[in-house]
Amino acid sequence: MDDFALCCGRAYGTILIDIAASPVVDVLPERSADALAAWLRDPPCDGDLLPGQGRGCVEEAARAAPPATQIADW
């Protein structure tokens, strides 16, 4: 997962990618822990998460999916 600019650095979204298979799984139209938590709850995520380096990604992932293992790529 990572965040990205939707509109010249003013509006941000979150992209979720399956790193084992490479396809984009989903794109969330916002960059918030609440949106990510809602997405990860159904079905619950208990696997591995690779949060991006964007502001708050690690904290959002920990809050959204506490049982998941976070893997750092940086």
C-alpha atoms as a PDB file:
ATOM      1  CA  MET A   1       0.000   0.000   0.000  1.00  0.00           C
ATOM      2  CA  ASP A   2       1.111   3.519  -0.656  1.00  0.00           C
ATOM      3  CA  ASP A   3      -0.350   6.964  -0.967  1.00  0.00           C
ATOM      4  CA  PHE A   4      -0.225   9.071  -4.101  1.00  0.00           C
ATOM      5  CA  ALA A   5      -1.297  12.505  -5.306  1.00  0.00           C
ATOM      6  CA  LEU A   6      -4.594  12.614  -7.181  1.00  0.00           C
ATOM      7  CA  CYS A   7      -4.411  16.339  -7.901  1.00  0.00           C
ATOM      8  CA  CYS A   8      -1.028  18.081  -7.997  1.00  0.00           C
ATOM      9  CA  GLY A   9      -0.192  17.362  -4.363  1.00  0.00           C
ATOM     10  CA  ARG A  10      -3.511  18.626  -2.988  1.00  0.00           C
ATOM     11  CA  ALA A  11      -5.662  15.485  -2.881  1.00  0.00           C
ATOM     12  CA  TYR A  12      -4.291  12.081  -1.986  1.00  0.00           C
ATOM     13  CA  GLY A  13      -5.438   8.494  -2.407  1.00  0.00           C
ATOM     14  CA  THR A  14      -4.202   5.079  -1.315  1.00  0.00           C
ATOM     15  CA  ILE A  15      -3.247   2.285  -3.695  1.00  0.00           C
ATOM     16  CA  LEU A  16      -3.235  -1.361  -2.605  1.00  0.00           C
ATOM     17  CA  ILE A  17      -1.133  -3.819  -4.605  1.00  0.00           C
ATOM     18  CA  ASP A  18      -0.672  -7.581  -4.258  1.00  0.00           C
ATOM     19  CA  ILE A  19       3.141  -7.766  -4.339  1.00  0.00           C
ATOM     20  CA  ALA A  20       3.141 -11.531  -4.885  1.00  0.00           C
ATOM     21  CA  ALA A  21       0.963 -11.381  -8.011  1.00  0.00           C
ATOM     22  CA  SER A  22       1.649  -7.717  -8.993  1.00  0.00           C
ATOM     23  CA  PRO A  23      -1.847  -6.481  -9.850  1.00  0.00           C
ATOM     24  CA  VAL A  24      -3.461  -3.422  -8.332  1.00  0.00           C
ATOM     25  CA  VAL A  25      -6.022  -4.725  -5.840  1.00  0.00           C
ATOM     26  CA  ASP A  26      -7.844  -1.455  -5.187  1.00  0.00           C
ATOM     27  CA  VAL A  27      -7.504   2.325  -5.161  1.00  0.00           C
ATOM     28  CA  LEU A  28      -9.022   4.274  -2.285  1.00  0.00           C
ATOM     29  CA  PRO A  29      -9.994   7.881  -3.042  1.00  0.00           C
ATOM     30  CA  GLU A  30      -8.515   9.162   0.218  1.00  0.00           C
ATOM     31  CA  ARG A  31      -5.484   8.768   2.441  1.00  0.00           C
ATOM     32  CA  SER A  32      -6.905   8.117   5.890  1.00  0.00           C
ATOM     33  CA  ALA A  33      -6.576   5.427   8.519  1.00  0.00           C
ATOM     34  CA  ASP A  34     -10.368   5.166   8.691  1.00  0.00           C
ATOM     35  CA  ALA A  35     -10.730   4.398   4.968  1.00  0.00           C
ATOM     36  CA  LEU A  36      -7.890   1.882   5.104  1.00  0.00           C
ATOM     37  CA  ALA A  37      -9.283   0.239   8.251  1.00  0.00           C
ATOM     38  CA  ALA A  38     -12.702  -0.129   6.642  1.00  0.00           C
ATOM     39  CA  TRP A  39     -11.148  -1.723   3.560  1.00  0.00           C
ATOM     40  CA  LEU A  40      -8.969  -4.111   5.594  1.00  0.00           C
ATOM     41  CA  ARG A  41     -11.832  -5.213   7.879  1.00  0.00           C
ATOM     42  CA  ASP A  42     -13.837  -6.900   5.124  1.00  0.00           C
ATOM     43  CA  PRO A  43     -12.408  -9.514   5.027  1.00  0.00           C
ATOM     44  CA  PRO A  44     -10.048  -8.999   7.972  1.00  0.00           C
ATOM     45  CA  CYS A  45      -6.384  -8.735   7.047  1.00  0.00           C
ATOM     46  CA  ASP A  46      -4.086 -10.900   9.142  1.00  0.00           C
ATOM     47  CA  GLY A  47      -1.262 -11.454   6.644  1.00  0.00           C
ATOM     48  CA  ASP A  48       1.659  -9.247   5.683  1.00  0.00           C
ATOM     49  CA  LEU A  49       1.443  -5.529   4.888  1.00  0.00           C
ATOM     50  CA  LEU A  50       4.109  -3.510   3.127  1.00  0.00           C
ATOM     51  CA  PRO A  51       3.241   0.104   3.968  1.00  0.00           C
ATOM     52  CA  GLY A  52       4.626   2.876   1.815  1.00  0.00           C
ATOM     53  CA  GLN A  53       6.867   5.623   3.092  1.00  0.00           C
ATOM     54  CA  GLY A  54       4.186   8.289   2.904  1.00  0.00           C
ATOM     55  CA  ARG A  55       3.062  10.290   5.889  1.00  0.00           C
ATOM     56  CA  GLY A  56       1.361   8.033   8.387  1.00  0.00           C
ATOM     57  CA  CYS A  57       1.305   4.830   6.306  1.00  0.00           C
ATOM     58  CA  VAL A  58       2.965   2.726   9.004  1.00  0.00           C
ATOM     59  CA  GLU A  59       0.710   4.098  11.747  1.00  0.00           C
ATOM     60  CA  GLU A  60      -2.397   3.718   9.578  1.00  0.00           C
ATOM     61  CA  ALA A  61      -1.512   0.118   8.755  1.00  0.00           C
ATOM     62  CA  ALA A  62      -0.926  -0.731  12.423  1.00  0.00           C
ATOM     63  CA  ARG A  63      -4.251   0.810  13.412  1.00  0.00           C
ATOM     64  CA  ALA A  64      -6.163  -0.699  10.492  1.00  0.00           C
ATOM     65  CA  ALA A  65      -4.843  -4.259  10.755  1.00  0.00           C
ATOM     66  CA  PRO A  66      -3.234  -4.889  14.147  1.00  0.00           C
ATOM     67  CA  PRO A  67      -2.656  -8.637  13.620  1.00  0.00           C
ATOM     68  CA  ALA A  68      -0.898  -8.124  10.273  1.00  0.00           C
ATOM     69  CA  THR A  69       2.891  -8.231  10.063  1.00  0.00           C
ATOM     70  CA  GLN A  70       4.391  -5.060   8.603  1.00  0.00           C
ATOM     71  CA  ILE A  71       7.302  -5.493   6.219  1.00  0.00           C
ATOM     72  CA  ALA A  72       9.527  -2.482   5.444  1.00  0.00           C
ATOM     73  CA  ASP A  73      10.904  -1.912   1.935  1.00  0.00           C
ATOM     74  CA  TRP A  74      12.990   1.136   2.802  1.00  0.00           C
END
